[in-house]
Amino acid sequence: LYLGCDLNGSPVVTADNCLLITLEKEFIPGHGGVMKIDPSKSPDQSVIWFLPVGDRELSNWEGGVVGSVGINDYYKNASDPGLACISTLEGTLYLIEHTRINDSVKVKGPDNIKEFNTPVVLSAANIGGSISTPIFIQDRICVAGYLGIYIFELGKNNQLNQVAYFREIFEATPTAWQGRIYIASKKGYLYCLGKAPTTISANQGPLQ
């Protein structure tokens, strides 16, 4: 399946045997974004949906999505929807239901010609530019970027409610273990963040 753009993120395998891939803006006339693909079908029939995102020049990038997609497929209850979260160079965190199509919207693909279905977007939040991959932690999402690291709680109807923030410059993807978040910063520090950090600078606060 030739898309013509940089594919910097790792493909993510969903529970319904599909792939979520991220597309950067460079080299294509259309927008970058996220695409869901059924690899059991021929290339020209394999695209299930495409979610285009805004353009923004940041460092050597021109827009789109550089990191991978975070999903809840392997942690959720059987009755819960299949959710995916995406952080963009433009600065938006998207929460979508990747197993459901928005029947009322068609979008142009990376070539700016062919049209595709789109997924259902449940919520969005401004986090600043990011090349990091968001992660699900039970009913929360942790996402990092150039403005800092955020934790959002999934509220009613899966709305994103910010519950914590820590200011720093991040390009890496966070990981969570036993109530703590571990992440490396662009300034050279490895952080362990939790409810009771041992030291807090004047312009930073603990994650709750």
N, C-alpha and C. Protein backbone atom coordinates (compact mmCIF):
# COMPACT_ATOMS: atom_id res chain seq x y z
N LEU A 1 0.86 -1.18 0.00
CA LEU A 1 0.00 0.00 0.00
C LEU A 1 0.89 1.23 0.00
N TYR A 2 0.95 1.93 -1.12
CA TYR A 2 1.82 3.10 -1.23
C TYR A 2 1.03 4.35 -0.87
N LEU A 3 1.56 5.14 0.09
CA LEU A 3 0.88 6.35 0.54
C LEU A 3 1.66 7.61 0.20
N GLY A 4 2.94 7.50 -0.09
CA GLY A 4 3.71 8.63 -0.58
C GLY A 4 4.35 9.52 0.46
N CYS A 5 4.05 9.29 1.74
CA CYS A 5 4.55 10.17 2.79
C CYS A 5 5.49 9.41 3.73
N ASP A 6 6.11 10.18 4.64
CA ASP A 6 6.91 9.56 5.69
C ASP A 6 5.99 8.82 6.66
N LEU A 7 6.35 7.59 6.99
CA LEU A 7 5.63 6.80 7.99
C LEU A 7 6.59 6.58 9.15
N ASN A 8 6.53 7.48 10.13
CA ASN A 8 7.51 7.44 11.23
C ASN A 8 7.06 6.61 12.42
N GLY A 9 5.75 6.46 12.61
CA GLY A 9 5.24 5.72 13.75
C GLY A 9 5.23 4.22 13.51
N SER A 10 5.19 3.45 14.59
CA SER A 10 5.07 2.00 14.48
C SER A 10 3.62 1.62 14.24
N PRO A 11 3.34 0.69 13.30
CA PRO A 11 1.96 0.22 13.12
C PRO A 11 1.44 -0.44 14.39
N VAL A 12 0.19 -0.20 14.70
CA VAL A 12 -0.44 -0.75 15.90
C VAL A 12 -1.50 -1.75 15.47
N VAL A 13 -1.46 -2.96 16.04
CA VAL A 13 -2.41 -4.01 15.70
C VAL A 13 -3.62 -3.93 16.62
N THR A 14 -4.80 -3.82 16.05
CA THR A 14 -6.04 -3.71 16.83
C THR A 14 -6.65 -5.09 17.06
N ALA A 15 -7.60 -5.15 17.97
CA ALA A 15 -8.23 -6.43 18.31
C ALA A 15 -9.08 -6.98 17.17
N ASP A 16 -9.46 -6.13 16.21
CA ASP A 16 -10.24 -6.60 15.07
C ASP A 16 -9.34 -6.88 13.86
N ASN A 17 -8.07 -7.18 14.12
CA ASN A 17 -7.12 -7.64 13.10
C ASN A 17 -6.83 -6.60 12.03
N CYS A 18 -6.80 -5.35 12.44
CA CYS A 18 -6.45 -4.27 11.53
C CYS A 18 -5.19 -3.56 12.02
N LEU A 19 -4.73 -2.60 11.24
CA LEU A 19 -3.55 -1.82 11.57
C LEU A 19 -3.91 -0.34 11.63
N LEU A 20 -3.36 0.36 12.62
CA LEU A 20 -3.45 1.81 12.68
C LEU A 20 -2.07 2.37 12.38
N ILE A 21 -1.97 3.19 11.33
CA ILE A 21 -0.68 3.74 10.95
C ILE A 21 -0.77 5.27 10.93
N THR A 22 0.35 5.91 11.23
CA THR A 22 0.39 7.38 11.28
C THR A 22 1.16 7.93 10.09
N LEU A 23 0.69 9.05 9.57
CA LEU A 23 1.23 9.64 8.36
C LEU A 23 1.72 11.07 8.64
N GLU A 24 2.95 11.34 8.26
CA GLU A 24 3.47 12.70 8.34
C GLU A 24 3.09 13.45 7.06
N LYS A 25 3.09 14.77 7.12
CA LYS A 25 2.65 15.61 5.99
C LYS A 25 3.66 15.65 4.85
N GLU A 26 4.95 15.53 5.14
CA GLU A 26 5.98 15.74 4.12
C GLU A 26 5.79 14.83 2.91
N PHE A 27 6.00 15.38 1.72
CA PHE A 27 5.97 14.68 0.43
C PHE A 27 4.56 14.44 -0.12
N ILE A 28 3.50 14.86 0.56
CA ILE A 28 2.16 14.61 0.05
C ILE A 28 1.40 15.93 -0.09
N PRO A 29 0.49 16.04 -1.08
CA PRO A 29 -0.28 17.27 -1.25
C PRO A 29 -1.41 17.41 -0.23
N GLY A 30 -1.88 16.29 0.31
CA GLY A 30 -2.95 16.32 1.30
C GLY A 30 -2.40 16.43 2.72
N HIS A 31 -3.28 16.17 3.68
CA HIS A 31 -2.89 16.23 5.09
C HIS A 31 -2.30 14.91 5.56
N GLY A 32 -1.47 14.98 6.60
CA GLY A 32 -1.09 13.78 7.33
C GLY A 32 -2.20 13.40 8.29
N GLY A 33 -2.00 12.32 9.03
CA GLY A 33 -3.03 11.89 9.98
C GLY A 33 -2.87 10.44 10.37
N VAL A 34 -4.00 9.77 10.54
CA VAL A 34 -4.03 8.36 10.96
C VAL A 34 -4.95 7.59 10.02
N MET A 35 -4.52 6.39 9.68
CA MET A 35 -5.29 5.55 8.77
C MET A 35 -5.46 4.16 9.38
N LYS A 36 -6.68 3.63 9.25
CA LYS A 36 -6.94 2.25 9.67
C LYS A 36 -7.02 1.37 8.43
N ILE A 37 -6.27 0.28 8.46
CA ILE A 37 -6.12 -0.58 7.29
C ILE A 37 -6.44 -2.02 7.65
N ASP A 38 -7.16 -2.68 6.76
CA ASP A 38 -7.42 -4.12 6.88
C ASP A 38 -6.43 -4.84 5.97
N PRO A 39 -5.37 -5.45 6.52
CA PRO A 39 -4.33 -6.06 5.68
C PRO A 39 -4.77 -7.33 4.96
N SER A 40 -5.95 -7.85 5.31
CA SER A 40 -6.45 -9.05 4.62
C SER A 40 -7.03 -8.72 3.25
N LYS A 41 -7.22 -7.42 2.96
CA LYS A 41 -7.80 -7.00 1.68
C LYS A 41 -6.72 -6.49 0.74
N SER A 42 -7.07 -6.38 -0.52
CA SER A 42 -6.13 -5.85 -1.50
C SER A 42 -5.83 -4.40 -1.18
N PRO A 43 -4.65 -3.89 -1.56
CA PRO A 43 -4.27 -2.52 -1.20
C PRO A 43 -5.31 -1.47 -1.55
N ASP A 44 -5.94 -1.55 -2.71
CA ASP A 44 -6.88 -0.51 -3.12
C ASP A 44 -8.21 -0.61 -2.38
N GLN A 45 -8.42 -1.69 -1.62
CA GLN A 45 -9.65 -1.85 -0.84
C GLN A 45 -9.39 -1.93 0.66
N SER A 46 -8.15 -1.70 1.07
CA SER A 46 -7.77 -2.00 2.45
C SER A 46 -8.04 -0.87 3.44
N VAL A 47 -8.19 0.37 2.97
CA VAL A 47 -8.34 1.50 3.88
C VAL A 47 -9.77 1.56 4.41
N ILE A 48 -9.91 1.45 5.73
CA ILE A 48 -11.22 1.50 6.38
C ILE A 48 -11.62 2.94 6.64
N TRP A 49 -10.70 3.73 7.16
CA TRP A 49 -10.95 5.16 7.36
C TRP A 49 -9.64 5.93 7.42
N PHE A 50 -9.76 7.24 7.27
CA PHE A 50 -8.61 8.14 7.38
C PHE A 50 -9.03 9.35 8.19
N LEU A 51 -8.21 9.69 9.19
CA LEU A 51 -8.43 10.89 10.01
C LEU A 51 -7.34 11.90 9.69
N PRO A 52 -7.64 12.94 8.87
CA PRO A 52 -6.64 13.96 8.60
C PRO A 52 -6.50 14.92 9.78
N VAL A 53 -5.30 15.44 9.98
CA VAL A 53 -5.06 16.41 11.05
C VAL A 53 -4.43 17.66 10.46
N GLY A 54 -4.38 18.72 11.25
CA GLY A 54 -3.89 20.00 10.77
C GLY A 54 -2.41 20.02 10.45
N ASP A 55 -2.02 20.95 9.58
CA ASP A 55 -0.62 21.13 9.22
C ASP A 55 0.04 22.11 10.18
N ARG A 56 1.33 21.90 10.44
CA ARG A 56 2.12 22.83 11.23
C ARG A 56 3.59 22.53 11.06
N GLU A 57 4.36 23.52 10.68
CA GLU A 57 5.81 23.34 10.57
C GLU A 57 6.42 23.37 11.96
N LEU A 58 7.11 22.30 12.31
CA LEU A 58 7.74 22.18 13.62
C LEU A 58 9.04 21.42 13.44
N SER A 59 10.16 22.07 13.73
CA SER A 59 11.47 21.49 13.46
C SER A 59 11.56 21.18 11.97
N ASN A 60 11.84 19.95 11.60
CA ASN A 60 11.91 19.57 10.19
C ASN A 60 10.62 18.97 9.66
N TRP A 61 9.58 18.96 10.48
CA TRP A 61 8.31 18.38 10.07
C TRP A 61 7.36 19.45 9.55
N GLU A 62 6.39 19.01 8.75
CA GLU A 62 5.43 19.94 8.15
C GLU A 62 4.02 19.71 8.67
N GLY A 63 3.84 18.73 9.53
CA GLY A 63 2.52 18.45 10.07
C GLY A 63 2.22 16.96 10.03
N GLY A 64 1.03 16.62 10.49
CA GLY A 64 0.64 15.21 10.54
C GLY A 64 0.95 14.59 11.88
N VAL A 65 1.22 13.29 11.88
CA VAL A 65 1.47 12.54 13.11
C VAL A 65 2.79 11.79 12.97
N VAL A 66 3.68 11.96 13.94
CA VAL A 66 4.99 11.32 13.91
C VAL A 66 5.02 10.09 14.83
N GLY A 67 4.39 10.18 16.00
CA GLY A 67 4.36 9.05 16.92
C GLY A 67 3.39 7.97 16.48
N SER A 68 3.17 7.00 17.33
CA SER A 68 2.22 5.93 17.06
C SER A 68 0.88 6.23 17.73
N VAL A 69 -0.09 5.37 17.50
CA VAL A 69 -1.42 5.51 18.07
C VAL A 69 -1.51 4.68 19.35
N GLY A 70 -2.10 5.25 20.40
CA GLY A 70 -2.38 4.49 21.61
C GLY A 70 -3.78 3.90 21.56
N ILE A 71 -3.94 2.65 21.98
CA ILE A 71 -5.26 2.01 21.95
C ILE A 71 -5.54 1.33 23.30
N ASN A 72 -6.84 1.07 23.53
CA ASN A 72 -7.23 0.39 24.78
C ASN A 72 -7.71 -1.04 24.53
N ASP A 73 -7.52 -1.56 23.32
CA ASP A 73 -8.11 -2.84 22.93
C ASP A 73 -7.77 -3.99 23.88
N TYR A 74 -6.57 -4.02 24.40
CA TYR A 74 -6.12 -5.17 25.17
C TYR A 74 -6.21 -4.96 26.68
N TYR A 75 -6.90 -3.87 27.07
CA TYR A 75 -7.09 -3.58 28.48
C TYR A 75 -8.55 -3.40 28.85
N LYS A 76 -9.40 -3.15 27.87
CA LYS A 76 -10.79 -2.80 28.13
C LYS A 76 -11.65 -4.03 28.39
N ASN A 77 -12.85 -3.80 28.96
CA ASN A 77 -13.84 -4.85 29.07
C ASN A 77 -14.45 -5.13 27.70
N ALA A 78 -15.01 -6.31 27.54
CA ALA A 78 -15.53 -6.71 26.24
C ALA A 78 -16.63 -5.77 25.73
N SER A 79 -17.39 -5.19 26.65
CA SER A 79 -18.50 -4.32 26.25
C SER A 79 -18.08 -2.88 25.98
N ASP A 80 -16.84 -2.51 26.33
CA ASP A 80 -16.37 -1.14 26.14
C ASP A 80 -15.98 -0.90 24.68
N PRO A 81 -16.09 0.34 24.20
CA PRO A 81 -15.71 0.63 22.82
C PRO A 81 -14.21 0.57 22.62
N GLY A 82 -13.79 0.32 21.39
CA GLY A 82 -12.37 0.34 21.05
C GLY A 82 -11.92 1.76 20.83
N LEU A 83 -11.13 2.29 21.77
CA LEU A 83 -10.70 3.68 21.71
C LEU A 83 -9.26 3.79 21.22
N ALA A 84 -8.97 4.91 20.59
CA ALA A 84 -7.61 5.21 20.16
C ALA A 84 -7.34 6.68 20.44
N CYS A 85 -6.10 6.99 20.80
CA CYS A 85 -5.72 8.40 21.04
C CYS A 85 -4.49 8.73 20.19
N ILE A 86 -4.48 9.96 19.69
CA ILE A 86 -3.47 10.41 18.74
C ILE A 86 -2.99 11.79 19.14
N SER A 87 -1.68 12.00 19.21
CA SER A 87 -1.13 13.33 19.42
C SER A 87 -0.50 13.81 18.12
N THR A 88 -0.65 15.10 17.82
CA THR A 88 -0.27 15.62 16.52
C THR A 88 0.80 16.70 16.63
N LEU A 89 1.50 16.93 15.51
CA LEU A 89 2.45 18.03 15.44
C LEU A 89 1.74 19.37 15.56
N GLU A 90 0.52 19.43 15.07
CA GLU A 90 -0.26 20.67 15.12
C GLU A 90 -0.62 21.06 16.54
N GLY A 91 -0.70 20.05 17.46
CA GLY A 91 -0.93 20.36 18.86
C GLY A 91 -2.21 19.84 19.46
N THR A 92 -2.91 18.95 18.76
CA THR A 92 -4.19 18.44 19.25
C THR A 92 -4.06 16.97 19.66
N LEU A 93 -4.66 16.63 20.79
CA LEU A 93 -4.83 15.24 21.20
C LEU A 93 -6.24 14.82 20.81
N TYR A 94 -6.36 13.78 19.98
CA TYR A 94 -7.66 13.27 19.56
C TYR A 94 -7.96 11.96 20.27
N LEU A 95 -9.21 11.82 20.72
CA LEU A 95 -9.73 10.55 21.22
C LEU A 95 -10.81 10.11 20.26
N ILE A 96 -10.63 8.94 19.67
CA ILE A 96 -11.58 8.45 18.67
C ILE A 96 -12.05 7.04 19.04
N GLU A 97 -13.17 6.65 18.45
CA GLU A 97 -13.63 5.27 18.52
C GLU A 97 -13.25 4.63 17.19
N HIS A 98 -12.20 3.83 17.20
CA HIS A 98 -11.63 3.37 15.94
C HIS A 98 -12.43 2.26 15.27
N THR A 99 -13.41 1.70 15.97
CA THR A 99 -14.22 0.63 15.38
C THR A 99 -15.52 1.16 14.76
N ARG A 100 -15.74 2.48 14.78
CA ARG A 100 -16.99 3.04 14.29
C ARG A 100 -16.72 4.12 13.25
N ILE A 101 -17.51 4.12 12.19
CA ILE A 101 -17.38 5.06 11.09
C ILE A 101 -18.36 6.22 11.28
N ASN A 102 -17.89 7.43 10.99
CA ASN A 102 -18.77 8.59 10.96
C ASN A 102 -19.39 8.66 9.57
N ASP A 103 -20.63 8.20 9.44
CA ASP A 103 -21.26 8.08 8.13
C ASP A 103 -21.53 9.41 7.45
N SER A 104 -21.50 10.50 8.19
CA SER A 104 -21.87 11.81 7.63
C SER A 104 -20.69 12.58 7.04
N VAL A 105 -19.46 12.04 7.18
CA VAL A 105 -18.28 12.79 6.76
C VAL A 105 -17.40 11.93 5.86
N LYS A 106 -17.00 12.51 4.72
CA LYS A 106 -15.97 11.94 3.87
C LYS A 106 -14.82 12.94 3.78
N VAL A 107 -13.59 12.43 3.73
CA VAL A 107 -12.42 13.31 3.67
C VAL A 107 -11.51 12.88 2.53
N LYS A 108 -10.73 13.83 2.02
CA LYS A 108 -9.75 13.50 1.01
C LYS A 108 -8.51 12.88 1.67
N GLY A 109 -7.91 11.94 0.98
CA GLY A 109 -6.78 11.21 1.52
C GLY A 109 -5.46 11.94 1.34
N PRO A 110 -4.35 11.27 1.61
CA PRO A 110 -3.03 11.89 1.51
C PRO A 110 -2.72 12.47 0.14
N ASP A 111 -3.29 11.88 -0.92
CA ASP A 111 -3.04 12.40 -2.28
C ASP A 111 -3.93 13.59 -2.61
N ASN A 112 -4.83 13.94 -1.68
CA ASN A 112 -5.77 15.06 -1.85
C ASN A 112 -6.76 14.83 -2.99
N ILE A 113 -6.93 13.56 -3.38
CA ILE A 113 -7.86 13.21 -4.47
C ILE A 113 -8.87 12.18 -4.01
N LYS A 114 -8.39 11.00 -3.64
CA LYS A 114 -9.28 9.92 -3.25
C LYS A 114 -9.95 10.22 -1.91
N GLU A 115 -11.24 9.87 -1.79
CA GLU A 115 -11.99 10.14 -0.56
C GLU A 115 -12.13 8.87 0.28
N PHE A 116 -12.15 9.09 1.61
CA PHE A 116 -12.25 7.98 2.55
C PHE A 116 -13.28 8.31 3.63
N ASN A 117 -13.75 7.25 4.29
CA ASN A 117 -14.56 7.42 5.49
C ASN A 117 -13.68 7.96 6.62
N THR A 118 -14.32 8.47 7.67
CA THR A 118 -13.61 8.93 8.85
C THR A 118 -14.14 8.19 10.08
N PRO A 119 -13.33 8.11 11.14
CA PRO A 119 -13.81 7.48 12.38
C PRO A 119 -14.64 8.48 13.19
N VAL A 120 -15.24 8.00 14.26
CA VAL A 120 -15.98 8.86 15.18
C VAL A 120 -14.99 9.51 16.14
N VAL A 121 -14.92 10.85 16.10
CA VAL A 121 -14.08 11.60 17.04
C VAL A 121 -14.91 11.91 18.28
N LEU A 122 -14.46 11.42 19.43
CA LEU A 122 -15.20 11.58 20.68
C LEU A 122 -14.85 12.86 21.41
N SER A 123 -13.57 13.26 21.35
CA SER A 123 -13.13 14.42 22.10
C SER A 123 -11.77 14.85 21.58
N ALA A 124 -11.41 16.11 21.87
CA ALA A 124 -10.11 16.63 21.47
C ALA A 124 -9.65 17.65 22.51
N ALA A 125 -8.33 17.78 22.65
CA ALA A 125 -7.77 18.72 23.62
C ALA A 125 -6.49 19.31 23.05
N ASN A 126 -6.21 20.55 23.39
CA ASN A 126 -4.99 21.22 22.95
C ASN A 126 -3.85 20.90 23.93
N ILE A 127 -2.78 20.31 23.41
CA ILE A 127 -1.64 19.94 24.27
C ILE A 127 -0.33 20.53 23.77
N GLY A 128 -0.36 21.27 22.67
CA GLY A 128 0.88 21.72 22.06
C GLY A 128 1.47 20.64 21.18
N GLY A 129 2.44 21.00 20.37
CA GLY A 129 3.03 20.04 19.43
C GLY A 129 3.60 18.81 20.13
N SER A 130 3.43 17.66 19.48
CA SER A 130 3.88 16.40 20.10
C SER A 130 4.28 15.40 19.03
N ILE A 131 5.38 14.68 19.29
CA ILE A 131 5.75 13.53 18.46
C ILE A 131 5.74 12.26 19.30
N SER A 132 5.20 12.36 20.50
CA SER A 132 5.14 11.24 21.44
C SER A 132 3.88 10.42 21.20
N THR A 133 3.89 9.18 21.67
CA THR A 133 2.71 8.31 21.59
C THR A 133 1.92 8.38 22.89
N PRO A 134 0.62 8.71 22.85
CA PRO A 134 -0.19 8.70 24.06
C PRO A 134 -0.39 7.27 24.56
N ILE A 135 -0.60 7.11 25.86
CA ILE A 135 -0.87 5.78 26.41
C ILE A 135 -2.12 5.82 27.28
N PHE A 136 -2.85 4.72 27.26
CA PHE A 136 -3.99 4.54 28.16
C PHE A 136 -3.51 3.95 29.47
N ILE A 137 -4.01 4.49 30.59
CA ILE A 137 -3.77 3.94 31.91
C ILE A 137 -5.14 3.78 32.57
N GLN A 138 -5.73 2.61 32.42
CA GLN A 138 -7.08 2.35 32.88
C GLN A 138 -8.05 3.36 32.26
N ASP A 139 -8.67 4.22 33.07
CA ASP A 139 -9.62 5.18 32.51
C ASP A 139 -8.99 6.55 32.28
N ARG A 140 -7.67 6.58 32.12
CA ARG A 140 -6.97 7.84 31.89
C ARG A 140 -6.06 7.72 30.67
N ILE A 141 -5.68 8.89 30.15
CA ILE A 141 -4.73 8.97 29.05
C ILE A 141 -3.58 9.85 29.48
N CYS A 142 -2.36 9.38 29.25
CA CYS A 142 -1.16 10.15 29.53
C CYS A 142 -0.50 10.48 28.20
N VAL A 143 -0.21 11.77 27.99
CA VAL A 143 0.39 12.19 26.72
C VAL A 143 1.43 13.26 26.99
N ALA A 144 2.54 13.19 26.26
CA ALA A 144 3.64 14.13 26.43
C ALA A 144 3.90 14.90 25.15
N GLY A 145 4.50 16.08 25.29
CA GLY A 145 4.82 16.89 24.12
C GLY A 145 5.81 17.98 24.48
N TYR A 146 5.93 18.95 23.59
CA TYR A 146 6.92 20.01 23.78
C TYR A 146 6.53 21.00 24.87
N LEU A 147 5.28 21.00 25.31
CA LEU A 147 4.86 21.88 26.39
C LEU A 147 4.83 21.19 27.75
N GLY A 148 4.90 19.85 27.75
CA GLY A 148 4.86 19.13 29.02
C GLY A 148 4.14 17.81 28.89
N ILE A 149 3.82 17.21 30.05
CA ILE A 149 3.11 15.94 30.09
C ILE A 149 1.76 16.15 30.78
N TYR A 150 0.73 15.57 30.20
CA TYR A 150 -0.63 15.75 30.68
C TYR A 150 -1.24 14.40 31.05
N ILE A 151 -2.17 14.44 32.00
CA ILE A 151 -3.04 13.29 32.25
C ILE A 151 -4.48 13.76 32.10
N PHE A 152 -5.22 13.03 31.27
CA PHE A 152 -6.64 13.29 31.07
C PHE A 152 -7.45 12.12 31.60
N GLU A 153 -8.55 12.42 32.24
CA GLU A 153 -9.49 11.40 32.68
C GLU A 153 -10.62 11.32 31.67
N LEU A 154 -11.08 10.10 31.38
CA LEU A 154 -12.20 9.93 30.47
C LEU A 154 -13.49 10.15 31.24
N GLY A 155 -14.15 11.26 30.94
CA GLY A 155 -15.37 11.61 31.64
C GLY A 155 -16.60 11.06 30.96
N LYS A 156 -17.73 11.69 31.23
CA LYS A 156 -19.00 11.27 30.64
C LYS A 156 -18.92 11.36 29.12
N ASN A 157 -19.42 10.32 28.45
CA ASN A 157 -19.38 10.24 26.98
C ASN A 157 -17.95 10.33 26.45
N ASN A 158 -17.00 9.86 27.26
CA ASN A 158 -15.59 9.80 26.88
C ASN A 158 -15.01 11.17 26.54
N GLN A 159 -15.43 12.19 27.28
CA GLN A 159 -14.82 13.51 27.12
C GLN A 159 -13.49 13.55 27.87
N LEU A 160 -12.54 14.31 27.33
CA LEU A 160 -11.22 14.43 27.94
C LEU A 160 -11.23 15.52 29.00
N ASN A 161 -10.99 15.14 30.25
CA ASN A 161 -10.92 16.09 31.35
C ASN A 161 -9.51 16.09 31.92
N GLN A 162 -8.81 17.23 31.79
CA GLN A 162 -7.43 17.29 32.29
C GLN A 162 -7.41 17.25 33.81
N VAL A 163 -6.58 16.36 34.36
CA VAL A 163 -6.47 16.24 35.82
C VAL A 163 -5.06 16.50 36.33
N ALA A 164 -4.07 16.57 35.44
CA ALA A 164 -2.70 16.82 35.90
C ALA A 164 -1.84 17.31 34.75
N TYR A 165 -0.78 18.06 35.13
CA TYR A 165 0.14 18.62 34.13
C TYR A 165 1.51 18.81 34.78
N PHE A 166 2.57 18.55 34.01
CA PHE A 166 3.94 18.76 34.49
C PHE A 166 4.72 19.39 33.34
N ARG A 167 5.28 20.56 33.58
CA ARG A 167 5.93 21.30 32.51
C ARG A 167 7.36 20.82 32.28
N GLU A 168 7.65 20.48 31.04
CA GLU A 168 8.99 20.06 30.61
C GLU A 168 8.91 19.86 29.09
N ILE A 169 10.03 19.65 28.45
CA ILE A 169 10.06 19.40 27.01
C ILE A 169 10.26 17.91 26.78
N PHE A 170 9.27 17.28 26.15
CA PHE A 170 9.32 15.82 25.93
C PHE A 170 9.15 15.49 24.46
N GLU A 171 9.93 14.55 23.99
CA GLU A 171 9.73 13.91 22.69
C GLU A 171 9.44 12.42 22.87
N ALA A 172 9.87 11.87 23.99
CA ALA A 172 9.74 10.44 24.25
C ALA A 172 8.29 10.07 24.61
N THR A 173 8.03 8.78 24.61
CA THR A 173 6.73 8.23 25.01
C THR A 173 6.80 7.81 26.48
N PRO A 174 5.80 8.16 27.28
CA PRO A 174 5.81 7.76 28.69
C PRO A 174 5.46 6.29 28.87
N THR A 175 5.84 5.75 30.00
CA THR A 175 5.39 4.42 30.39
C THR A 175 4.93 4.49 31.85
N ALA A 176 3.99 3.64 32.22
CA ALA A 176 3.43 3.66 33.57
C ALA A 176 3.65 2.31 34.24
N TRP A 177 4.00 2.37 35.54
CA TRP A 177 4.23 1.14 36.31
C TRP A 177 3.97 1.41 37.78
N GLN A 178 3.04 0.66 38.36
CA GLN A 178 2.74 0.71 39.79
C GLN A 178 2.52 2.14 40.31
N GLY A 179 1.67 2.86 39.61
CA GLY A 179 1.29 4.19 40.06
C GLY A 179 2.27 5.29 39.75
N ARG A 180 3.30 4.99 38.99
CA ARG A 180 4.29 6.00 38.62
C ARG A 180 4.40 6.08 37.09
N ILE A 181 4.76 7.26 36.62
CA ILE A 181 5.00 7.47 35.19
C ILE A 181 6.48 7.75 34.99
N TYR A 182 7.08 7.07 34.03
CA TYR A 182 8.50 7.24 33.73
C TYR A 182 8.64 7.80 32.32
N ILE A 183 9.46 8.85 32.18
CA ILE A 183 9.64 9.45 30.86
C ILE A 183 10.97 10.21 30.81
N ALA A 184 11.64 10.15 29.68
CA ALA A 184 12.88 10.88 29.45
C ALA A 184 12.57 12.21 28.78
N SER A 185 13.29 13.26 29.19
CA SER A 185 13.04 14.59 28.65
C SER A 185 14.11 14.99 27.64
N LYS A 186 13.80 16.01 26.84
CA LYS A 186 14.75 16.50 25.85
C LYS A 186 15.93 17.20 26.52
N LYS A 187 15.78 17.62 27.78
CA LYS A 187 16.85 18.28 28.51
C LYS A 187 17.84 17.29 29.14
N GLY A 188 17.55 15.99 29.02
CA GLY A 188 18.49 15.00 29.51
C GLY A 188 18.13 14.35 30.82
N TYR A 189 16.94 14.64 31.36
CA TYR A 189 16.53 14.05 32.63
C TYR A 189 15.60 12.86 32.39
N LEU A 190 15.73 11.84 33.24
CA LEU A 190 14.75 10.76 33.31
C LEU A 190 13.87 11.04 34.52
N TYR A 191 12.58 11.24 34.29
CA TYR A 191 11.65 11.58 35.36
C TYR A 191 10.85 10.37 35.82
N CYS A 192 10.64 10.32 37.13
CA CYS A 192 9.64 9.42 37.72
C CYS A 192 8.61 10.33 38.36
N LEU A 193 7.39 10.30 37.86
CA LEU A 193 6.33 11.20 38.30
C LEU A 193 5.23 10.42 39.00
N GLY A 194 4.76 10.96 40.11
CA GLY A 194 3.69 10.30 40.84
C GLY A 194 3.01 11.25 41.79
N LYS A 195 2.34 10.72 42.78
CA LYS A 195 1.59 11.56 43.71
C LYS A 195 2.49 12.29 44.69
N ALA A 196 3.66 11.75 44.96
CA ALA A 196 4.51 12.36 46.00
C ALA A 196 5.96 12.43 45.54
N PRO A 197 6.27 13.29 44.54
CA PRO A 197 7.67 13.43 44.14
C PRO A 197 8.50 14.02 45.27
N THR A 198 9.76 13.66 45.33
CA THR A 198 10.60 14.10 46.45
C THR A 198 10.99 15.56 46.34
N THR A 199 11.14 16.08 45.10
CA THR A 199 11.47 17.49 44.91
C THR A 199 10.60 18.08 43.83
N ILE A 200 10.17 19.32 44.03
CA ILE A 200 9.34 20.01 43.05
C ILE A 200 9.89 21.42 42.89
N SER A 201 10.19 21.83 41.68
CA SER A 201 10.67 23.18 41.46
C SER A 201 9.50 24.16 41.54
N ALA A 202 9.81 25.45 41.56
CA ALA A 202 8.78 26.46 41.78
C ALA A 202 7.75 26.49 40.68
N ASN A 203 8.13 26.15 39.46
CA ASN A 203 7.19 26.25 38.34
C ASN A 203 6.63 24.91 37.90
N GLN A 204 6.78 23.91 38.75
CA GLN A 204 6.27 22.58 38.42
C GLN A 204 5.48 22.03 39.59
N GLY A 205 4.52 21.20 39.30
CA GLY A 205 3.70 20.63 40.35
C GLY A 205 3.56 19.14 40.21
N PRO A 206 3.15 18.46 41.28
CA PRO A 206 3.02 17.00 41.23
C PRO A 206 1.81 16.57 40.43
N LEU A 207 1.89 15.40 39.84
CA LEU A 207 0.74 14.81 39.19
C LEU A 207 -0.14 14.18 40.25
N GLN A 208 -1.43 14.38 40.12
CA GLN A 208 -2.38 13.83 41.09
C GLN A 208 -3.12 12.65 40.48
